[in-house]
Every structure is written in structure tokens, then in C-alpha cells.
N, C-alpha and C. Protein backbone atom coordinates (compact mmCIF):
# COMPACT_ATOMS: atom_id res chain seq x y z
N MET A 1 71.51 95.11 54.79
CA MET A 1 72.93 94.97 55.08
C MET A 1 73.07 94.22 56.40
N ASN A 2 73.95 93.22 56.41
CA ASN A 2 74.18 92.49 57.65
C ASN A 2 75.37 93.11 58.41
N ARG A 3 75.63 92.56 59.58
CA ARG A 3 76.67 93.13 60.44
C ARG A 3 78.04 93.10 59.80
N GLU A 4 78.40 91.99 59.17
CA GLU A 4 79.73 91.88 58.56
C GLU A 4 79.91 92.87 57.42
N GLN A 5 78.88 93.09 56.63
CA GLN A 5 78.95 94.08 55.55
C GLN A 5 79.13 95.48 56.11
N LEU A 6 78.39 95.78 57.18
CA LEU A 6 78.51 97.10 57.81
C LEU A 6 79.92 97.31 58.36
N ILE A 7 80.45 96.32 59.04
CA ILE A 7 81.80 96.44 59.60
C ILE A 7 82.83 96.62 58.49
N ARG A 8 82.68 95.89 57.40
CA ARG A 8 83.59 96.03 56.26
C ARG A 8 83.56 97.45 55.71
N ARG A 9 82.37 98.01 55.57
CA ARG A 9 82.24 99.37 55.06
C ARG A 9 82.79 100.41 56.04
N LEU A 10 82.57 100.19 57.33
CA LEU A 10 83.10 101.11 58.33
C LEU A 10 84.62 101.07 58.36
N ARG A 11 85.20 99.87 58.21
CA ARG A 11 86.65 99.73 58.17
C ARG A 11 87.22 100.50 56.97
N LYS A 12 86.59 100.37 55.83
CA LYS A 12 87.02 101.06 54.62
C LYS A 12 86.90 102.58 54.80
N PHE A 13 85.80 103.02 55.42
CA PHE A 13 85.60 104.45 55.69
C PHE A 13 86.70 104.99 56.59
N ALA A 14 87.01 104.27 57.66
CA ALA A 14 88.03 104.72 58.61
C ALA A 14 89.40 104.79 57.94
N ARG A 15 89.73 103.78 57.15
CA ARG A 15 91.02 103.76 56.45
C ARG A 15 91.12 104.95 55.49
N LYS A 16 90.04 105.20 54.76
CA LYS A 16 90.00 106.31 53.79
C LYS A 16 90.20 107.66 54.48
N ASN A 17 89.67 107.79 55.69
CA ASN A 17 89.73 109.05 56.42
C ASN A 17 90.86 109.11 57.45
N GLY A 18 91.71 108.10 57.47
CA GLY A 18 92.85 108.10 58.38
C GLY A 18 92.48 108.03 59.84
N GLN A 19 91.39 107.34 60.16
CA GLN A 19 90.94 107.24 61.55
C GLN A 19 91.21 105.85 62.11
N PHE A 20 91.38 105.80 63.42
CA PHE A 20 91.55 104.53 64.12
C PHE A 20 90.28 103.71 64.00
N PHE A 21 90.41 102.41 63.80
CA PHE A 21 89.25 101.53 63.70
C PHE A 21 89.53 100.25 64.47
N GLU A 22 88.55 99.81 65.24
CA GLU A 22 88.71 98.56 65.99
C GLU A 22 87.35 97.90 66.19
N VAL A 23 87.34 96.58 66.09
CA VAL A 23 86.17 95.77 66.41
C VAL A 23 86.57 94.87 67.57
N ASP A 24 85.86 95.00 68.67
CA ASP A 24 86.15 94.19 69.85
C ASP A 24 85.00 93.22 70.06
N LYS A 25 85.24 91.97 69.74
CA LYS A 25 84.20 90.95 69.86
C LYS A 25 84.07 90.43 71.29
N SER A 26 85.06 90.66 72.12
CA SER A 26 85.04 90.13 73.48
C SER A 26 84.29 91.04 74.45
N ARG A 27 84.19 92.33 74.16
CA ARG A 27 83.54 93.25 75.10
C ARG A 27 82.05 93.36 74.89
N GLY A 28 81.56 92.91 73.75
CA GLY A 28 80.12 92.95 73.51
C GLY A 28 79.41 91.89 74.33
N ASP A 29 78.12 92.02 74.43
CA ASP A 29 77.33 91.07 75.20
C ASP A 29 76.73 90.03 74.25
N GLY A 30 77.18 88.79 74.34
CA GLY A 30 76.64 87.72 73.50
C GLY A 30 77.01 87.92 72.04
N SER A 31 76.02 88.21 71.22
CA SER A 31 76.25 88.36 69.78
C SER A 31 76.52 89.81 69.39
N HIS A 32 76.82 90.66 70.34
CA HIS A 32 77.07 92.08 70.08
C HIS A 32 78.58 92.33 69.97
N TYR A 33 78.94 93.24 69.08
CA TYR A 33 80.34 93.66 68.91
C TYR A 33 80.45 95.12 69.31
N ARG A 34 81.61 95.50 69.81
CA ARG A 34 81.90 96.92 70.09
C ARG A 34 82.76 97.41 68.93
N VAL A 35 82.34 98.51 68.31
CA VAL A 35 83.06 99.07 67.17
C VAL A 35 83.49 100.48 67.53
N GLN A 36 84.74 100.80 67.21
CA GLN A 36 85.27 102.13 67.49
C GLN A 36 85.87 102.71 66.22
N ILE A 37 85.50 103.97 65.94
CA ILE A 37 86.11 104.75 64.87
C ILE A 37 86.56 106.05 65.51
N GLY A 38 87.85 106.31 65.47
CA GLY A 38 88.39 107.49 66.12
C GLY A 38 88.13 107.42 67.62
N GLU A 39 87.51 108.45 68.16
CA GLU A 39 87.20 108.49 69.59
C GLU A 39 85.80 107.99 69.91
N ARG A 40 85.02 107.68 68.89
CA ARG A 40 83.63 107.26 69.09
C ARG A 40 83.50 105.75 69.03
N TRP A 41 82.56 105.22 69.80
CA TRP A 41 82.31 103.79 69.79
C TRP A 41 80.82 103.53 69.90
N THR A 42 80.42 102.33 69.51
CA THR A 42 79.03 101.91 69.63
C THR A 42 78.97 100.39 69.66
N THR A 43 77.80 99.87 69.89
CA THR A 43 77.57 98.43 69.91
C THR A 43 76.81 98.06 68.64
N VAL A 44 77.25 96.98 68.00
CA VAL A 44 76.61 96.50 66.78
C VAL A 44 76.07 95.11 67.04
N GLN A 45 74.76 94.95 66.86
CA GLN A 45 74.11 93.67 67.07
C GLN A 45 74.28 92.79 65.83
N SER A 46 73.91 91.52 65.95
CA SER A 46 74.04 90.61 64.82
C SER A 46 72.94 90.83 63.78
N LYS A 47 71.75 91.19 64.20
CA LYS A 47 70.65 91.44 63.26
C LYS A 47 70.39 92.93 63.21
N LEU A 48 70.50 93.50 62.01
CA LEU A 48 70.37 94.93 61.86
C LEU A 48 69.19 95.29 60.97
N LYS A 49 68.42 96.25 61.42
CA LYS A 49 67.35 96.83 60.61
C LYS A 49 67.83 98.20 60.14
N PRO A 50 67.25 98.73 59.08
CA PRO A 50 67.71 100.02 58.54
C PRO A 50 67.78 101.14 59.58
N HIS A 51 66.79 101.22 60.46
CA HIS A 51 66.80 102.28 61.47
C HIS A 51 67.98 102.11 62.43
N LYS A 52 68.29 100.87 62.79
CA LYS A 52 69.41 100.62 63.70
C LYS A 52 70.73 100.98 63.04
N ILE A 53 70.86 100.73 61.74
CA ILE A 53 72.07 101.10 61.02
C ILE A 53 72.25 102.61 61.04
N GLU A 54 71.16 103.35 60.84
CA GLU A 54 71.22 104.82 60.90
C GLU A 54 71.69 105.27 62.27
N THR A 55 71.19 104.65 63.33
CA THR A 55 71.59 105.00 64.69
C THR A 55 73.07 104.73 64.92
N ILE A 56 73.55 103.58 64.45
CA ILE A 56 74.96 103.22 64.60
C ILE A 56 75.85 104.25 63.90
N LEU A 57 75.49 104.60 62.69
CA LEU A 57 76.28 105.58 61.93
C LEU A 57 76.29 106.94 62.62
N LYS A 58 75.15 107.34 63.15
CA LYS A 58 75.06 108.61 63.87
C LYS A 58 75.95 108.59 65.11
N GLN A 59 75.94 107.49 65.85
CA GLN A 59 76.77 107.38 67.06
C GLN A 59 78.25 107.42 66.72
N LEU A 60 78.62 106.91 65.54
CA LEU A 60 80.02 106.90 65.13
C LEU A 60 80.42 108.17 64.38
N GLY A 61 79.45 109.04 64.10
CA GLY A 61 79.75 110.28 63.37
C GLY A 61 80.04 110.05 61.91
N VAL A 62 79.40 109.04 61.31
CA VAL A 62 79.62 108.70 59.90
C VAL A 62 78.41 109.11 59.08
N ASP A 63 78.65 109.85 58.01
CA ASP A 63 77.57 110.23 57.09
C ASP A 63 77.24 109.02 56.22
N PRO A 64 75.99 108.58 56.19
CA PRO A 64 75.63 107.39 55.41
C PRO A 64 76.03 107.48 53.92
N SER A 65 76.07 108.66 53.38
CA SER A 65 76.43 108.82 51.97
C SER A 65 77.91 108.51 51.73
N GLU A 66 78.73 108.49 52.78
CA GLU A 66 80.16 108.23 52.64
C GLU A 66 80.48 106.74 52.67
N LEU A 67 79.48 105.91 52.93
CA LEU A 67 79.70 104.47 52.93
C LEU A 67 79.46 103.95 51.54
């Protein structure tokens, strides 16, 4: 899964659960984006490996089975 696919799925998850969602491309460093769901936020890099995706989901409080 690439970054855009992950962001699309996170946006859908947030909408489904009635949570605030935002992607801030200006606050990240270089090719990094800041993503916020509800009160939680994390940084999403352009190249993602499966372990990094798990870490991002954990930081955002998202169960991988809900994506």
C-alpha cells in the first residue's frame, strides 16, 4: 500500500466513525505528511513498508481490520 492509498482509507475510516480528519502537507518535513484523526496525529512518509503502516495505525488508534 502506498501513502495515497493509506490516506484514502484513513479518510474513509474517519468519515465512517464521525471523526475529524486532516492531512497537512505543509507541516511535514520534505516528503512527509502530517495526518490527524480525532485528537491523534502522526507523520506519514512517502515510502511505506508493512511494519511502518502498522506503527502509523497504532499511533492513530486505528484497528487495521477496520480499514
